């Protein structure tokens, strides 16, 4: 299964959408984060969580 991470980046904020290519899983999560290192780490942790929980074999990140 593929994890798709959409990012909308501004100077102060990161809007993120996590979804898969599986029709049984709609959007997993939509969230806004501050544009800083702490938030980047949080986004990475969400990705790692979904990889493990959903047995993801491919990650696609787009802006």
C-alpha atoms as a PDB file:
ATOM      1  CA  UNK A   1       0.000   0.000   0.000  1.00  0.00           C
ATOM      2  CA  UNK A   2       1.164   3.522  -0.765  1.00  0.00           C
ATOM      3  CA  UNK A   3       1.142   6.396   1.770  1.00  0.00           C
ATOM      4  CA  UNK A   4       0.602   9.768   0.133  1.00  0.00           C
ATOM      5  CA  UNK A   5       1.580  12.885   2.076  1.00  0.00           C
ATOM      6  CA  UNK A   6       0.470  16.233   0.691  1.00  0.00           C
ATOM      7  CA  UNK A   7       2.170  19.355   2.024  1.00  0.00           C
ATOM      8  CA  UNK A   8       1.169  22.990   1.651  1.00  0.00           C
ATOM      9  CA  UNK A   9       4.085  25.070   2.892  1.00  0.00           C
ATOM     10  CA  UNK A  10       4.034  28.716   3.935  1.00  0.00           C
ATOM     11  CA  UNK A  11       6.576  30.727   5.895  1.00  0.00           C
ATOM     12  CA  UNK A  12       4.704  30.152   9.163  1.00  0.00           C
ATOM     13  CA  UNK A  13       2.592  27.024   8.678  1.00  0.00           C
ATOM     14  CA  UNK A  14       2.594  23.514   7.209  1.00  0.00           C
ATOM     15  CA  UNK A  15      -0.760  22.030   6.172  1.00  0.00           C
ATOM     16  CA  UNK A  16      -0.498  18.262   5.804  1.00  0.00           C
ATOM     17  CA  UNK A  17      -2.825  15.572   4.470  1.00  0.00           C
ATOM     18  CA  UNK A  18      -2.081  11.857   4.911  1.00  0.00           C
ATOM     19  CA  UNK A  19      -3.917   9.365   2.688  1.00  0.00           C
ATOM     20  CA  UNK A  20      -3.418   6.002   1.008  1.00  0.00           C
ATOM     21  CA  UNK A  21      -4.098   4.595  -2.439  1.00  0.00           C
ATOM     22  CA  UNK A  22      -6.520   2.059  -0.883  1.00  0.00           C
ATOM     23  CA  UNK A  23     -10.198   2.901  -1.448  1.00  0.00           C
ATOM     24  CA  UNK A  24     -11.043   1.408   1.966  1.00  0.00           C
ATOM     25  CA  UNK A  25      -8.963   4.074   3.708  1.00  0.00           C
ATOM     26  CA  UNK A  26     -10.180   7.612   3.152  1.00  0.00           C
ATOM     27  CA  UNK A  27      -8.063  10.524   4.261  1.00  0.00           C
ATOM     28  CA  UNK A  28      -6.150   9.332   7.319  1.00  0.00           C
ATOM     29  CA  UNK A  29      -5.435  12.752   8.810  1.00  0.00           C
ATOM     30  CA  UNK A  30      -5.465  16.432   7.947  1.00  0.00           C
ATOM     31  CA  UNK A  31      -3.512  18.770  10.211  1.00  0.00           C
ATOM     32  CA  UNK A  32      -1.779  22.130  10.433  1.00  0.00           C
ATOM     33  CA  UNK A  33       1.625  22.552  12.032  1.00  0.00           C
ATOM     34  CA  UNK A  34       3.956  25.450  12.665  1.00  0.00           C
ATOM     35  CA  UNK A  35       6.765  25.642  10.130  1.00  0.00           C
ATOM     36  CA  UNK A  36       9.607  24.630  12.457  1.00  0.00           C
ATOM     37  CA  UNK A  37      11.892  21.705  13.272  1.00  0.00           C
ATOM     38  CA  UNK A  38       9.632  20.357  16.029  1.00  0.00           C
ATOM     39  CA  UNK A  39       6.698  20.125  13.613  1.00  0.00           C
ATOM     40  CA  UNK A  40       8.855  18.486  10.946  1.00  0.00           C
ATOM     41  CA  UNK A  41       9.714  15.811  13.504  1.00  0.00           C
ATOM     42  CA  UNK A  42       6.020  15.374  14.343  1.00  0.00           C
ATOM     43  CA  UNK A  43       5.195  14.896  10.651  1.00  0.00           C
ATOM     44  CA  UNK A  44       8.007  12.338  10.342  1.00  0.00           C
ATOM     45  CA  UNK A  45       6.596  10.480  13.352  1.00  0.00           C
ATOM     46  CA  UNK A  46       3.113  10.382  11.766  1.00  0.00           C
ATOM     47  CA  UNK A  47       4.668   8.914   8.606  1.00  0.00           C
ATOM     48  CA  UNK A  48       6.559   6.258  10.582  1.00  0.00           C
ATOM     49  CA  UNK A  49       3.411   5.421  12.553  1.00  0.00           C
ATOM     50  CA  UNK A  50       1.356   4.875   9.390  1.00  0.00           C
ATOM     51  CA  UNK A  51       4.154   2.848   7.753  1.00  0.00           C
ATOM     52  CA  UNK A  52       4.119   0.440  10.681  1.00  0.00           C
ATOM     53  CA  UNK A  53       0.361   0.405  11.354  1.00  0.00           C
ATOM     54  CA  UNK A  54      -0.771  -0.010   7.737  1.00  0.00           C
ATOM     55  CA  UNK A  55       2.157  -2.015   6.333  1.00  0.00           C
ATOM     56  CA  UNK A  56       3.090   0.757   3.892  1.00  0.00           C
ATOM     57  CA  UNK A  57       5.618  -0.221   1.219  1.00  0.00           C
ATOM     58  CA  UNK A  58       5.914   3.113  -0.591  1.00  0.00           C
ATOM     59  CA  UNK A  59       5.792   6.752   0.558  1.00  0.00           C
ATOM     60  CA  UNK A  60       5.022   9.612  -1.826  1.00  0.00           C
ATOM     61  CA  UNK A  61       5.429  13.181  -0.577  1.00  0.00           C
ATOM     62  CA  UNK A  62       4.303  16.101  -2.707  1.00  0.00           C
ATOM     63  CA  UNK A  63       4.060  19.836  -2.300  1.00  0.00           C
END
